[in-house]
Amino acid sequence: MKNNLAYWITTGLFAFGLTGSGLMTVSHQPPMVAAYTHLGYPIYFMTLLGAAKLAGVGAVLAPGLPRLKEWAYAGFTINMVAAVFSHLSAGDPVGNSVAPVVLLGLILASWRLRPADRKLADAAA
């Protein structure tokens, strides 16, 4: 019961954060356009990344689909590591990497705490 509650809290928090980010990114909100431009990414990349975030959140929250969930968690992990790397490479203060690091922690906690019905079946079983 405790693990189930911890799973839903971590999953809810990261889903909330990535849904907001995905919506702001896919709709090309001015602060996001400024951030992506500052980091050196083309504006068209925002549409792709925003849509991927929204699709990934949908996959993680939907019942079933364990293989798709694994891919979504992997994609989110790569996205957050890339966000930290991008900020540091652009010369941003370390503080700009706090949000992606916190989201990465929530993503990894959600993945680790997910219930059995949200995991791939053990290949050895």
Protein backbone atom coordinates (compact mmCIF):
# COMPACT_ATOMS: atom_id res chain seq x y z
CA MET A 1 0.00 0.00 0.00
CA LYS A 2 2.81 2.44 0.90
CA ASN A 3 4.65 1.69 -2.36
CA ASN A 4 1.45 2.22 -4.34
CA LEU A 5 0.91 5.61 -2.71
CA ALA A 6 4.55 6.60 -3.24
CA TYR A 7 4.29 5.48 -6.87
CA TRP A 8 1.23 7.65 -7.51
CA ILE A 9 2.69 10.67 -5.72
CA THR A 10 5.97 10.57 -7.67
CA THR A 11 4.20 9.75 -10.91
CA GLY A 12 1.62 12.50 -10.40
CA LEU A 13 4.27 15.11 -9.67
CA PHE A 14 6.43 14.30 -12.67
CA ALA A 15 3.36 13.92 -14.92
CA PHE A 16 2.14 17.34 -13.80
CA GLY A 17 5.53 18.93 -14.48
CA LEU A 18 6.03 17.31 -17.86
CA THR A 19 2.45 17.97 -18.97
CA GLY A 20 2.90 21.66 -18.21
CA SER A 21 6.26 21.72 -19.95
CA GLY A 22 4.89 19.76 -22.90
CA LEU A 23 1.92 22.09 -23.34
CA MET A 24 4.07 25.22 -23.09
CA THR A 25 6.61 23.72 -25.51
CA VAL A 26 4.19 22.44 -28.14
CA SER A 27 2.29 25.74 -28.11
CA HIS A 28 5.54 27.74 -28.45
CA GLN A 29 4.99 29.94 -25.42
CA PRO A 30 7.41 32.92 -25.42
CA PRO A 31 9.41 31.84 -22.32
CA MET A 32 9.96 28.40 -23.85
CA VAL A 33 10.91 29.88 -27.23
CA ALA A 34 13.47 32.08 -25.45
CA ALA A 35 14.85 29.11 -23.52
CA TYR A 36 15.16 26.84 -26.57
CA THR A 37 16.72 29.64 -28.61
CA HIS A 38 19.20 30.36 -25.81
CA LEU A 39 20.15 26.67 -25.69
CA GLY A 40 20.69 26.64 -29.47
CA TYR A 41 17.77 24.41 -30.44
CA PRO A 42 15.67 25.16 -33.53
CA ILE A 43 12.09 26.23 -32.87
CA TYR A 44 10.64 23.29 -34.82
CA PHE A 45 12.25 20.95 -32.27
CA MET A 46 9.86 22.36 -29.66
CA THR A 47 6.85 20.84 -31.41
CA LEU A 48 8.47 17.41 -31.55
CA LEU A 49 9.70 17.45 -27.96
CA GLY A 50 6.46 18.89 -26.56
CA ALA A 51 4.39 16.25 -28.35
CA ALA A 52 6.74 13.50 -27.14
CA LYS A 53 6.40 14.71 -23.53
CA LEU A 54 2.61 14.68 -23.76
CA ALA A 55 2.54 11.24 -25.40
CA GLY A 56 4.97 9.90 -22.80
CA VAL A 57 2.86 11.17 -19.91
CA GLY A 58 -0.17 9.54 -21.51
CA ALA A 59 1.69 6.25 -21.86
CA VAL A 60 2.87 6.26 -18.25
CA LEU A 61 -0.57 7.13 -16.85
CA ALA A 62 -2.59 4.76 -19.05
CA PRO A 63 -3.38 1.28 -17.72
CA GLY A 64 -1.52 -1.59 -19.35
CA LEU A 65 1.04 -0.91 -22.10
CA PRO A 66 4.09 -2.01 -20.05
CA ARG A 67 6.54 -1.97 -22.98
CA LEU A 68 5.42 1.51 -24.04
CA LYS A 69 5.82 2.67 -20.43
CA GLU A 70 9.43 1.44 -20.42
CA TRP A 71 10.14 3.45 -23.56
CA ALA A 72 8.44 6.52 -22.08
CA TYR A 73 10.51 6.30 -18.90
CA ALA A 74 13.67 5.87 -20.98
CA GLY A 75 12.74 8.87 -23.14
CA PHE A 76 12.05 11.04 -20.10
CA THR A 77 15.36 10.02 -18.55
CA ILE A 78 17.26 10.92 -21.73
CA ASN A 79 15.34 14.20 -21.97
CA MET A 80 16.17 15.27 -18.41
CA VAL A 81 19.86 14.29 -18.71
CA ALA A 82 20.02 16.21 -22.00
CA ALA A 83 18.34 19.23 -20.37
CA VAL A 84 20.99 19.33 -17.63
CA PHE A 85 23.77 18.91 -20.19
CA SER A 86 22.26 21.62 -22.42
CA HIS A 87 22.05 24.15 -19.60
CA LEU A 88 25.58 23.47 -18.43
CA SER A 89 26.93 23.54 -22.01
CA ALA A 90 25.22 26.89 -22.63
CA GLY A 91 27.05 28.35 -19.64
CA ASP A 92 23.90 28.67 -17.53
CA PRO A 93 24.24 28.74 -13.75
CA VAL A 94 24.03 25.32 -12.10
CA GLY A 95 20.72 26.42 -10.58
CA ASN A 96 19.11 26.20 -14.04
CA SER A 97 19.66 22.44 -13.87
CA VAL A 98 17.75 21.96 -10.62
CA ALA A 99 14.32 21.47 -12.21
CA PRO A 100 15.46 18.75 -14.65
CA VAL A 101 17.39 17.00 -11.85
CA VAL A 102 14.31 17.04 -9.59
CA LEU A 103 12.13 15.74 -12.43
CA LEU A 104 14.72 13.04 -13.16
CA GLY A 105 14.57 11.96 -9.51
CA LEU A 106 10.77 11.78 -9.66
CA ILE A 107 10.88 9.84 -12.94
CA LEU A 108 13.36 7.30 -11.56
CA ALA A 109 11.39 6.95 -8.33
CA SER A 110 8.17 6.42 -10.28
CA TRP A 111 9.85 3.79 -12.45
CA ARG A 112 11.29 1.98 -9.43
CA LEU A 113 8.04 2.05 -7.45
CA ARG A 114 5.66 1.08 -10.26
CA PRO A 115 3.24 -1.76 -9.44
CA ALA A 116 3.65 -5.19 -11.00
CA ASP A 117 0.79 -4.61 -13.46
CA ARG A 118 2.73 -1.66 -14.90
CA LYS A 119 5.96 -3.63 -15.46
CA LEU A 120 7.10 -5.85 -18.26
CA ALA A 121 6.78 -9.53 -17.43
CA ASP A 122 10.04 -11.05 -16.25
CA ALA A 123 11.66 -12.75 -19.26
CA ALA A 124 13.18 -15.43 -17.00
CA ALA A 125 9.80 -16.45 -15.55
